[in-house]
N, C-alpha and C. Protein backbone atom coordinates (compact mmCIF):
# COMPACT_ATOMS: atom_id res chain seq x y z
N MET A 1 -51.11 -12.61 -39.99
CA MET A 1 -51.75 -12.61 -38.70
C MET A 1 -51.09 -13.60 -37.76
N VAL A 2 -51.14 -13.28 -36.49
CA VAL A 2 -50.55 -14.13 -35.48
C VAL A 2 -51.67 -14.76 -34.68
N SER A 3 -51.60 -16.06 -34.49
CA SER A 3 -52.64 -16.72 -33.70
C SER A 3 -52.29 -16.67 -32.23
N CYS A 4 -53.27 -17.01 -31.40
CA CYS A 4 -53.04 -17.04 -29.95
C CYS A 4 -51.97 -18.07 -29.61
N LYS A 5 -51.98 -19.16 -30.33
CA LYS A 5 -51.01 -20.21 -30.08
C LYS A 5 -49.58 -19.70 -30.33
N GLU A 6 -49.42 -18.95 -31.42
CA GLU A 6 -48.10 -18.41 -31.73
C GLU A 6 -47.67 -17.38 -30.69
N THR A 7 -48.61 -16.57 -30.20
CA THR A 7 -48.31 -15.57 -29.19
C THR A 7 -47.86 -16.24 -27.90
N ARG A 8 -48.55 -17.31 -27.53
CA ARG A 8 -48.15 -18.04 -26.32
C ARG A 8 -46.73 -18.60 -26.48
N GLN A 9 -46.46 -19.14 -27.66
CA GLN A 9 -45.13 -19.69 -27.90
C GLN A 9 -44.07 -18.59 -27.81
N GLN A 10 -44.36 -17.40 -28.37
CA GLN A 10 -43.43 -16.29 -28.30
C GLN A 10 -43.21 -15.87 -26.84
N ASN A 11 -44.28 -15.83 -26.07
CA ASN A 11 -44.16 -15.50 -24.64
C ASN A 11 -43.30 -16.51 -23.91
N LYS A 12 -43.51 -17.81 -24.23
CA LYS A 12 -42.68 -18.85 -23.60
C LYS A 12 -41.21 -18.67 -23.98
N ASP A 13 -40.98 -18.37 -25.27
CA ASP A 13 -39.61 -18.15 -25.72
C ASP A 13 -38.99 -16.95 -25.01
N ASN A 14 -39.76 -15.87 -24.89
CA ASN A 14 -39.26 -14.67 -24.18
C ASN A 14 -38.96 -14.98 -22.73
N LEU A 15 -39.84 -15.77 -22.09
CA LEU A 15 -39.64 -16.16 -20.70
C LEU A 15 -38.36 -16.99 -20.56
N LYS A 16 -38.14 -17.92 -21.51
CA LYS A 16 -36.93 -18.73 -21.48
C LYS A 16 -35.69 -17.85 -21.59
N ILE A 17 -35.76 -16.85 -22.46
CA ILE A 17 -34.63 -15.95 -22.63
C ILE A 17 -34.36 -15.18 -21.34
N LYS A 18 -35.43 -14.71 -20.69
CA LYS A 18 -35.26 -13.99 -19.43
C LYS A 18 -34.66 -14.88 -18.36
N ILE A 19 -35.15 -16.12 -18.28
CA ILE A 19 -34.62 -17.06 -17.28
C ILE A 19 -33.16 -17.36 -17.59
N GLU A 20 -32.85 -17.59 -18.85
CA GLU A 20 -31.46 -17.85 -19.22
C GLU A 20 -30.57 -16.65 -18.90
N THR A 21 -31.09 -15.46 -19.12
CA THR A 21 -30.32 -14.26 -18.81
C THR A 21 -30.05 -14.19 -17.32
N LYS A 22 -31.04 -14.50 -16.49
CA LYS A 22 -30.83 -14.51 -15.05
C LYS A 22 -29.81 -15.56 -14.66
N LYS A 23 -29.89 -16.75 -15.27
CA LYS A 23 -28.91 -17.80 -14.98
C LYS A 23 -27.51 -17.32 -15.34
N ASN A 24 -27.39 -16.66 -16.48
CA ASN A 24 -26.09 -16.14 -16.90
C ASN A 24 -25.58 -15.10 -15.93
N THR A 25 -26.46 -14.29 -15.39
CA THR A 25 -26.07 -13.28 -14.41
C THR A 25 -25.51 -13.97 -13.16
N ILE A 26 -26.20 -15.00 -12.71
CA ILE A 26 -25.73 -15.75 -11.54
C ILE A 26 -24.37 -16.37 -11.86
N THR A 27 -24.26 -16.98 -13.04
CA THR A 27 -23.00 -17.58 -13.44
C THR A 27 -21.91 -16.51 -13.54
N ASP A 28 -22.28 -15.34 -14.09
CA ASP A 28 -21.31 -14.25 -14.20
C ASP A 28 -20.83 -13.81 -12.82
N ASN A 29 -21.74 -13.75 -11.83
CA ASN A 29 -21.33 -13.39 -10.47
C ASN A 29 -20.37 -14.43 -9.91
N LYS A 30 -20.68 -15.71 -10.13
CA LYS A 30 -19.78 -16.76 -9.68
C LYS A 30 -18.44 -16.66 -10.40
N ALA A 31 -18.51 -16.38 -11.68
CA ALA A 31 -17.28 -16.24 -12.45
C ALA A 31 -16.45 -15.08 -11.94
N GLN A 32 -17.11 -13.97 -11.59
CA GLN A 32 -16.39 -12.81 -11.09
C GLN A 32 -15.70 -13.14 -9.76
N LYS A 33 -16.40 -13.90 -8.89
CA LYS A 33 -15.79 -14.31 -7.63
C LYS A 33 -14.58 -15.19 -7.89
N THR A 34 -14.72 -16.09 -8.87
CA THR A 34 -13.60 -16.97 -9.22
C THR A 34 -12.44 -16.15 -9.77
N ILE A 35 -12.76 -15.19 -10.64
CA ILE A 35 -11.71 -14.32 -11.20
C ILE A 35 -11.01 -13.56 -10.09
N ASN A 36 -11.80 -13.02 -9.14
CA ASN A 36 -11.20 -12.29 -8.02
C ASN A 36 -10.30 -13.20 -7.20
N SER A 37 -10.73 -14.43 -7.00
CA SER A 37 -9.93 -15.39 -6.25
C SER A 37 -8.63 -15.70 -6.99
N ILE A 38 -8.73 -15.88 -8.31
CA ILE A 38 -7.53 -16.16 -9.11
C ILE A 38 -6.59 -14.96 -9.07
N LYS A 39 -7.15 -13.74 -9.19
CA LYS A 39 -6.31 -12.54 -9.12
C LYS A 39 -5.56 -12.49 -7.80
N LYS A 40 -6.26 -12.82 -6.70
CA LYS A 40 -5.63 -12.80 -5.39
C LYS A 40 -4.48 -13.81 -5.35
N ASP A 41 -4.73 -15.02 -5.91
CA ASP A 41 -3.68 -16.04 -5.94
C ASP A 41 -2.49 -15.58 -6.76
N VAL A 42 -2.75 -14.92 -7.88
CA VAL A 42 -1.66 -14.42 -8.72
C VAL A 42 -0.86 -13.38 -7.97
N ILE A 43 -1.54 -12.48 -7.25
CA ILE A 43 -0.83 -11.46 -6.47
C ILE A 43 0.03 -12.13 -5.42
N ILE A 44 -0.52 -13.13 -4.74
CA ILE A 44 0.25 -13.84 -3.70
C ILE A 44 1.46 -14.53 -4.33
N LYS A 45 1.28 -15.10 -5.51
CA LYS A 45 2.40 -15.77 -6.16
C LYS A 45 3.46 -14.77 -6.60
N LYS A 46 3.06 -13.54 -6.91
CA LYS A 46 4.02 -12.50 -7.30
C LYS A 46 4.89 -12.09 -6.13
N ILE A 47 4.40 -12.29 -4.91
CA ILE A 47 5.19 -11.95 -3.74
C ILE A 47 6.27 -13.01 -3.60
N ASP A 48 7.48 -12.57 -3.62
CA ASP A 48 8.61 -13.48 -3.55
C ASP A 48 8.74 -13.98 -2.11
N THR A 49 8.22 -15.18 -1.86
CA THR A 49 8.22 -15.71 -0.49
C THR A 49 9.62 -16.17 -0.06
N SER A 50 10.52 -16.35 -1.01
CA SER A 50 11.88 -16.72 -0.61
C SER A 50 12.63 -15.51 -0.06
N ASN A 51 12.21 -14.34 -0.48
CA ASN A 51 12.83 -13.10 0.00
C ASN A 51 11.72 -12.16 0.46
N ILE A 52 11.00 -12.59 1.45
CA ILE A 52 9.82 -11.85 1.88
C ILE A 52 10.14 -10.70 2.84
N HIS A 53 11.32 -10.70 3.42
CA HIS A 53 11.68 -9.65 4.37
C HIS A 53 11.55 -8.27 3.72
N CYS A 54 10.90 -7.37 4.44
CA CYS A 54 10.73 -5.97 4.01
C CYS A 54 9.88 -5.84 2.75
N ASN A 55 9.15 -6.88 2.38
CA ASN A 55 8.38 -6.88 1.15
C ASN A 55 7.11 -6.04 1.30
N ILE A 56 7.13 -4.87 0.71
CA ILE A 56 6.02 -3.93 0.85
C ILE A 56 4.78 -4.43 0.12
N GLU A 57 4.95 -5.30 -0.88
CA GLU A 57 3.79 -5.85 -1.61
C GLU A 57 2.95 -6.73 -0.69
N ALA A 58 3.58 -7.46 0.19
CA ALA A 58 2.84 -8.29 1.15
C ALA A 58 2.08 -7.41 2.14
N VAL A 59 2.66 -6.28 2.50
CA VAL A 59 2.01 -5.33 3.39
C VAL A 59 0.79 -4.72 2.69
N LYS A 60 0.97 -4.30 1.44
CA LYS A 60 -0.12 -3.73 0.65
C LYS A 60 -1.26 -4.73 0.46
N LEU A 61 -0.91 -5.97 0.19
CA LEU A 61 -1.92 -7.01 -0.03
C LEU A 61 -2.79 -7.17 1.21
N LEU A 62 -2.18 -7.22 2.37
CA LEU A 62 -2.97 -7.34 3.60
C LEU A 62 -3.80 -6.08 3.83
N ASP A 63 -3.22 -4.94 3.60
CA ASP A 63 -3.93 -3.68 3.77
C ASP A 63 -5.17 -3.65 2.87
N GLU A 64 -5.02 -4.05 1.62
CA GLU A 64 -6.14 -4.04 0.66
C GLU A 64 -7.22 -5.04 1.04
N ASN A 65 -6.86 -6.10 1.73
CA ASN A 65 -7.82 -7.15 2.08
C ASN A 65 -8.11 -7.19 3.58
N MET A 66 -7.92 -6.07 4.25
CA MET A 66 -8.06 -6.02 5.71
C MET A 66 -9.45 -6.45 6.19
N ASN A 67 -10.47 -6.26 5.39
CA ASN A 67 -11.81 -6.64 5.83
C ASN A 67 -12.05 -8.14 5.78
N ASN A 68 -11.23 -8.86 5.02
CA ASN A 68 -11.40 -10.31 4.96
C ASN A 68 -10.08 -10.97 4.51
N PRO A 69 -9.05 -10.84 5.33
CA PRO A 69 -7.75 -11.40 4.92
C PRO A 69 -7.71 -12.91 5.09
N THR A 70 -6.93 -13.55 4.23
CA THR A 70 -6.71 -14.99 4.38
C THR A 70 -5.59 -15.21 5.39
N GLU A 71 -5.49 -16.41 5.89
CA GLU A 71 -4.40 -16.74 6.81
C GLU A 71 -3.05 -16.58 6.10
N GLN A 72 -3.03 -16.90 4.82
CA GLN A 72 -1.79 -16.80 4.04
C GLN A 72 -1.35 -15.35 3.93
N GLU A 73 -2.28 -14.44 3.70
CA GLU A 73 -1.94 -13.02 3.60
C GLU A 73 -1.39 -12.50 4.92
N ILE A 74 -2.01 -12.89 6.01
CA ILE A 74 -1.53 -12.44 7.33
C ILE A 74 -0.15 -13.04 7.61
N THR A 75 0.02 -14.31 7.32
CA THR A 75 1.30 -14.97 7.55
C THR A 75 2.40 -14.34 6.72
N PHE A 76 2.14 -14.11 5.42
CA PHE A 76 3.13 -13.45 4.57
C PHE A 76 3.52 -12.10 5.17
N PHE A 77 2.52 -11.36 5.60
CA PHE A 77 2.78 -10.05 6.20
C PHE A 77 3.68 -10.19 7.43
N LEU A 78 3.35 -11.11 8.32
CA LEU A 78 4.14 -11.29 9.55
C LEU A 78 5.57 -11.73 9.24
N LEU A 79 5.74 -12.44 8.14
CA LEU A 79 7.07 -12.89 7.75
C LEU A 79 7.92 -11.76 7.16
N THR A 80 7.31 -10.64 6.81
CA THR A 80 8.09 -9.53 6.24
C THR A 80 8.97 -8.85 7.27
N PHE A 81 8.64 -8.97 8.55
CA PHE A 81 9.40 -8.29 9.60
C PHE A 81 10.79 -8.91 9.75
N ASN A 82 11.79 -8.05 9.67
CA ASN A 82 13.17 -8.49 9.79
C ASN A 82 14.01 -7.29 10.23
N LYS A 83 15.10 -7.58 10.94
CA LYS A 83 15.99 -6.50 11.41
C LYS A 83 16.54 -5.66 10.26
N LEU A 84 16.67 -6.26 9.10
CA LEU A 84 17.21 -5.56 7.93
C LEU A 84 16.29 -4.42 7.46
N CYS A 85 15.04 -4.44 7.90
CA CYS A 85 14.06 -3.46 7.42
C CYS A 85 14.11 -2.14 8.17
N LYS A 86 14.88 -2.06 9.25
CA LYS A 86 14.83 -0.86 10.09
C LYS A 86 15.25 0.40 9.34
N ASN A 87 16.07 0.28 8.30
CA ASN A 87 16.50 1.45 7.53
C ASN A 87 15.55 1.80 6.38
N ASN A 88 14.56 0.94 6.16
CA ASN A 88 13.59 1.18 5.10
C ASN A 88 12.39 1.90 5.73
N ILE A 89 12.40 3.22 5.70
CA ILE A 89 11.40 4.03 6.40
C ILE A 89 10.00 3.77 5.88
N GLU A 90 9.85 3.72 4.55
CA GLU A 90 8.51 3.49 3.97
C GLU A 90 7.93 2.18 4.48
N TYR A 91 8.74 1.10 4.40
CA TYR A 91 8.28 -0.20 4.88
C TYR A 91 8.00 -0.15 6.39
N SER A 92 8.92 0.41 7.15
CA SER A 92 8.81 0.40 8.62
C SER A 92 7.53 1.07 9.10
N GLU A 93 7.24 2.24 8.57
CA GLU A 93 6.04 2.96 9.01
C GLU A 93 4.77 2.24 8.58
N TYR A 94 4.75 1.83 7.32
CA TYR A 94 3.56 1.17 6.77
C TYR A 94 3.30 -0.16 7.48
N SER A 95 4.33 -0.97 7.66
CA SER A 95 4.15 -2.28 8.29
C SER A 95 3.75 -2.14 9.76
N ASN A 96 4.27 -1.13 10.44
CA ASN A 96 3.90 -0.90 11.84
C ASN A 96 2.41 -0.56 11.94
N GLU A 97 1.97 0.31 11.06
CA GLU A 97 0.54 0.69 11.05
C GLU A 97 -0.35 -0.52 10.77
N ILE A 98 0.02 -1.33 9.79
CA ILE A 98 -0.79 -2.50 9.42
C ILE A 98 -0.73 -3.56 10.52
N LEU A 99 0.41 -3.70 11.16
CA LEU A 99 0.53 -4.65 12.28
C LEU A 99 -0.49 -4.32 13.37
N PHE A 100 -0.56 -3.06 13.75
CA PHE A 100 -1.51 -2.67 14.78
C PHE A 100 -2.95 -2.87 14.31
N ARG A 101 -3.22 -2.55 13.06
CA ARG A 101 -4.59 -2.71 12.56
C ARG A 101 -5.01 -4.17 12.52
N VAL A 102 -4.13 -5.04 12.03
CA VAL A 102 -4.50 -6.45 11.89
C VAL A 102 -4.61 -7.14 13.25
N ILE A 103 -3.72 -6.82 14.16
CA ILE A 103 -3.77 -7.47 15.48
C ILE A 103 -4.95 -6.94 16.30
N ASN A 104 -5.33 -5.70 16.04
CA ASN A 104 -6.49 -5.13 16.73
C ASN A 104 -7.78 -5.74 16.19
N LYS A 105 -7.83 -5.95 14.88
CA LYS A 105 -9.05 -6.44 14.24
C LYS A 105 -9.21 -7.96 14.38
N TYR A 106 -8.09 -8.69 14.34
CA TYR A 106 -8.12 -10.16 14.38
C TYR A 106 -7.14 -10.70 15.42
N PRO A 107 -7.29 -10.34 16.68
CA PRO A 107 -6.27 -10.71 17.68
C PRO A 107 -6.04 -12.22 17.82
N VAL A 108 -7.10 -12.99 17.91
CA VAL A 108 -6.95 -14.43 18.11
C VAL A 108 -6.31 -15.08 16.89
N LYS A 109 -6.77 -14.70 15.71
CA LYS A 109 -6.24 -15.26 14.46
C LYS A 109 -4.75 -14.95 14.31
N VAL A 110 -4.36 -13.71 14.60
CA VAL A 110 -2.96 -13.31 14.46
C VAL A 110 -2.08 -14.07 15.46
N ILE A 111 -2.52 -14.16 16.69
CA ILE A 111 -1.74 -14.90 17.70
C ILE A 111 -1.58 -16.35 17.28
N LYS A 112 -2.66 -16.94 16.79
CA LYS A 112 -2.61 -18.34 16.33
C LYS A 112 -1.58 -18.51 15.22
N LEU A 113 -1.58 -17.58 14.26
CA LEU A 113 -0.64 -17.67 13.14
C LEU A 113 0.80 -17.42 13.57
N ILE A 114 1.00 -16.52 14.51
CA ILE A 114 2.35 -16.26 15.03
C ILE A 114 2.89 -17.52 15.71
N ASN A 115 2.07 -18.16 16.49
CA ASN A 115 2.49 -19.37 17.20
C ASN A 115 2.69 -20.56 16.26
N LYS A 116 1.98 -20.55 15.15
CA LYS A 116 2.01 -21.66 14.19
C LYS A 116 3.27 -21.65 13.33
N ASN A 117 3.81 -20.46 13.04
CA ASN A 117 4.93 -20.35 12.10
C ASN A 117 6.21 -19.97 12.85
N LEU A 118 7.13 -20.89 12.89
CA LEU A 118 8.39 -20.68 13.63
C LEU A 118 9.31 -19.67 12.96
N LYS A 119 9.07 -19.34 11.69
CA LYS A 119 9.94 -18.39 10.98
C LYS A 119 9.59 -16.94 11.31
N ILE A 120 8.47 -16.71 11.95
CA ILE A 120 8.07 -15.35 12.32
C ILE A 120 8.94 -14.88 13.48
N ASP A 121 9.51 -13.70 13.35
CA ASP A 121 10.40 -13.14 14.36
C ASP A 121 9.57 -12.51 15.49
N LYS A 122 9.32 -13.28 16.53
CA LYS A 122 8.47 -12.82 17.64
C LYS A 122 9.10 -11.64 18.39
N LYS A 123 10.41 -11.69 18.57
CA LYS A 123 11.08 -10.59 19.29
C LYS A 123 10.92 -9.28 18.55
N LEU A 124 11.05 -9.33 17.24
CA LEU A 124 10.91 -8.12 16.44
C LEU A 124 9.46 -7.61 16.47
N LEU A 125 8.51 -8.52 16.43
CA LEU A 125 7.10 -8.11 16.53
C LEU A 125 6.82 -7.44 17.87
N LEU A 126 7.39 -7.98 18.93
CA LEU A 126 7.22 -7.36 20.25
C LEU A 126 7.82 -5.95 20.26
N PHE A 127 8.98 -5.80 19.63
CA PHE A 127 9.60 -4.48 19.55
C PHE A 127 8.70 -3.52 18.77
N GLU A 128 8.18 -3.96 17.63
CA GLU A 128 7.29 -3.12 16.81
C GLU A 128 6.05 -2.71 17.60
N LEU A 129 5.51 -3.64 18.35
CA LEU A 129 4.30 -3.35 19.13
C LEU A 129 4.59 -2.44 20.33
N SER A 130 5.84 -2.38 20.72
CA SER A 130 6.19 -1.50 21.85
C SER A 130 6.35 -0.04 21.39
N GLU A 131 6.46 0.15 20.07
CA GLU A 131 6.66 1.49 19.52
C GLU A 131 5.68 1.79 18.38
N PRO A 132 4.42 2.04 18.72
CA PRO A 132 3.45 2.32 17.65
C PRO A 132 3.73 3.64 16.96
N ILE A 133 3.62 3.63 15.64
CA ILE A 133 3.81 4.86 14.86
C ILE A 133 2.46 5.56 14.72
N ASN A 134 1.43 4.78 14.52
CA ASN A 134 0.09 5.32 14.32
C ASN A 134 -0.63 5.42 15.66
N GLU A 135 -1.16 6.57 15.95
CA GLU A 135 -1.84 6.78 17.24
C GLU A 135 -3.34 6.49 17.18
N GLU A 136 -3.83 5.97 16.04
CA GLU A 136 -5.26 5.70 15.90
C GLU A 136 -5.71 4.52 16.76
N ILE A 137 -4.83 3.57 17.02
CA ILE A 137 -5.18 2.38 17.79
C ILE A 137 -5.06 2.71 19.28
N ASP A 138 -6.10 2.38 20.01
CA ASP A 138 -6.09 2.57 21.46
C ASP A 138 -5.36 1.39 22.09
N CYS A 139 -4.16 1.62 22.56
CA CYS A 139 -3.33 0.54 23.11
C CYS A 139 -3.94 -0.08 24.37
N LYS A 140 -4.69 0.70 25.13
CA LYS A 140 -5.33 0.13 26.32
C LYS A 140 -6.34 -0.94 25.93
N ILE A 141 -7.12 -0.66 24.89
CA ILE A 141 -8.10 -1.64 24.41
C ILE A 141 -7.40 -2.86 23.82
N LEU A 142 -6.34 -2.61 23.05
CA LEU A 142 -5.58 -3.70 22.47
C LEU A 142 -4.94 -4.55 23.56
N LYS A 143 -4.42 -3.90 24.58
CA LYS A 143 -3.82 -4.62 25.71
C LYS A 143 -4.86 -5.54 26.36
N GLN A 144 -6.07 -5.04 26.54
CA GLN A 144 -7.14 -5.84 27.15
C GLN A 144 -7.49 -7.04 26.25
N LYS A 145 -7.51 -6.81 24.94
CA LYS A 145 -7.78 -7.92 24.00
C LYS A 145 -6.72 -9.00 24.16
N MET A 146 -5.46 -8.59 24.30
CA MET A 146 -4.37 -9.56 24.45
C MET A 146 -4.48 -10.32 25.77
N LEU A 147 -4.86 -9.61 26.82
CA LEU A 147 -5.00 -10.26 28.13
C LEU A 147 -6.16 -11.25 28.15
N ASN A 148 -7.15 -11.03 27.29
CA ASN A 148 -8.31 -11.93 27.22
C ASN A 148 -8.04 -13.21 26.44
N ILE A 149 -6.91 -13.25 25.74
CA ILE A 149 -6.54 -14.45 24.99
C ILE A 149 -5.70 -15.33 25.90
N ASN A 150 -6.05 -16.58 25.97
CA ASN A 150 -5.33 -17.52 26.83
C ASN A 150 -4.09 -18.01 26.07
N ASP A 151 -3.06 -17.17 26.04
CA ASP A 151 -1.85 -17.50 25.30
C ASP A 151 -0.68 -16.71 25.88
N SER A 152 0.46 -17.35 26.01
CA SER A 152 1.62 -16.69 26.62
C SER A 152 2.17 -15.56 25.74
N PHE A 153 2.17 -15.74 24.42
CA PHE A 153 2.68 -14.67 23.57
C PHE A 153 1.74 -13.45 23.59
N ALA A 154 0.45 -13.69 23.65
CA ALA A 154 -0.51 -12.59 23.75
C ALA A 154 -0.26 -11.81 25.05
N LYS A 155 0.07 -12.50 26.11
CA LYS A 155 0.38 -11.84 27.39
C LYS A 155 1.66 -11.00 27.27
N LYS A 156 2.64 -11.51 26.52
CA LYS A 156 3.88 -10.74 26.30
C LYS A 156 3.57 -9.46 25.53
N ILE A 157 2.69 -9.58 24.54
CA ILE A 157 2.30 -8.38 23.77
C ILE A 157 1.67 -7.35 24.72
N ALA A 158 0.81 -7.83 25.58
CA ALA A 158 0.13 -6.93 26.52
C ALA A 158 1.15 -6.18 27.39
N THR A 159 2.23 -6.85 27.73
CA THR A 159 3.23 -6.19 28.60
C THR A 159 4.06 -5.14 27.87
N VAL A 160 4.24 -5.30 26.55
CA VAL A 160 5.07 -4.34 25.81
C VAL A 160 4.29 -3.17 25.24
N LEU A 161 2.97 -3.29 25.16
CA LEU A 161 2.17 -2.19 24.60
C LEU A 161 2.26 -0.96 25.50
N PRO A 162 2.44 0.20 24.90
CA PRO A 162 2.51 1.44 25.71
C PRO A 162 1.17 1.77 26.32
N GLU A 163 1.20 2.63 27.30
CA GLU A 163 -0.02 3.04 28.03
C GLU A 163 -0.71 4.23 27.39
N ASN A 164 -0.51 4.47 26.13
CA ASN A 164 -1.09 5.65 25.40
C ASN A 164 -0.64 6.95 26.01
């Protein structure tokens, strides 16, 4: 037979197990976020930053994280642009599309990063922005976004964007 005292103790033990399970779930969620962060760092480290020109992996990384890109991901992407890439059709089309998407979604952040890194080829970016491959971005709206930023390079972008 089981006494009331023993039943209460069993209930307390069951409650402790449930609470511990919930704590483990919270810890597991934190662990998953940490794992995702580590995976992202590993992917970034796999990108050869010494030879980043035309690097399609940097383009893919930004594309995959477009909803919440880090400054490092955007910077790596911007550093991929180089005159040597013009013959690489896959890279050229993909990077042009992602350039328009990222600058449309994060105009102030992108301008800040372009101005911050002297290795970014501004002339080439202006050329890319003057010839959009993807017609999904409304250049008139993007032009207005650039004009609303108090920055000389943003104004240059606004001047090279086509009129749709």
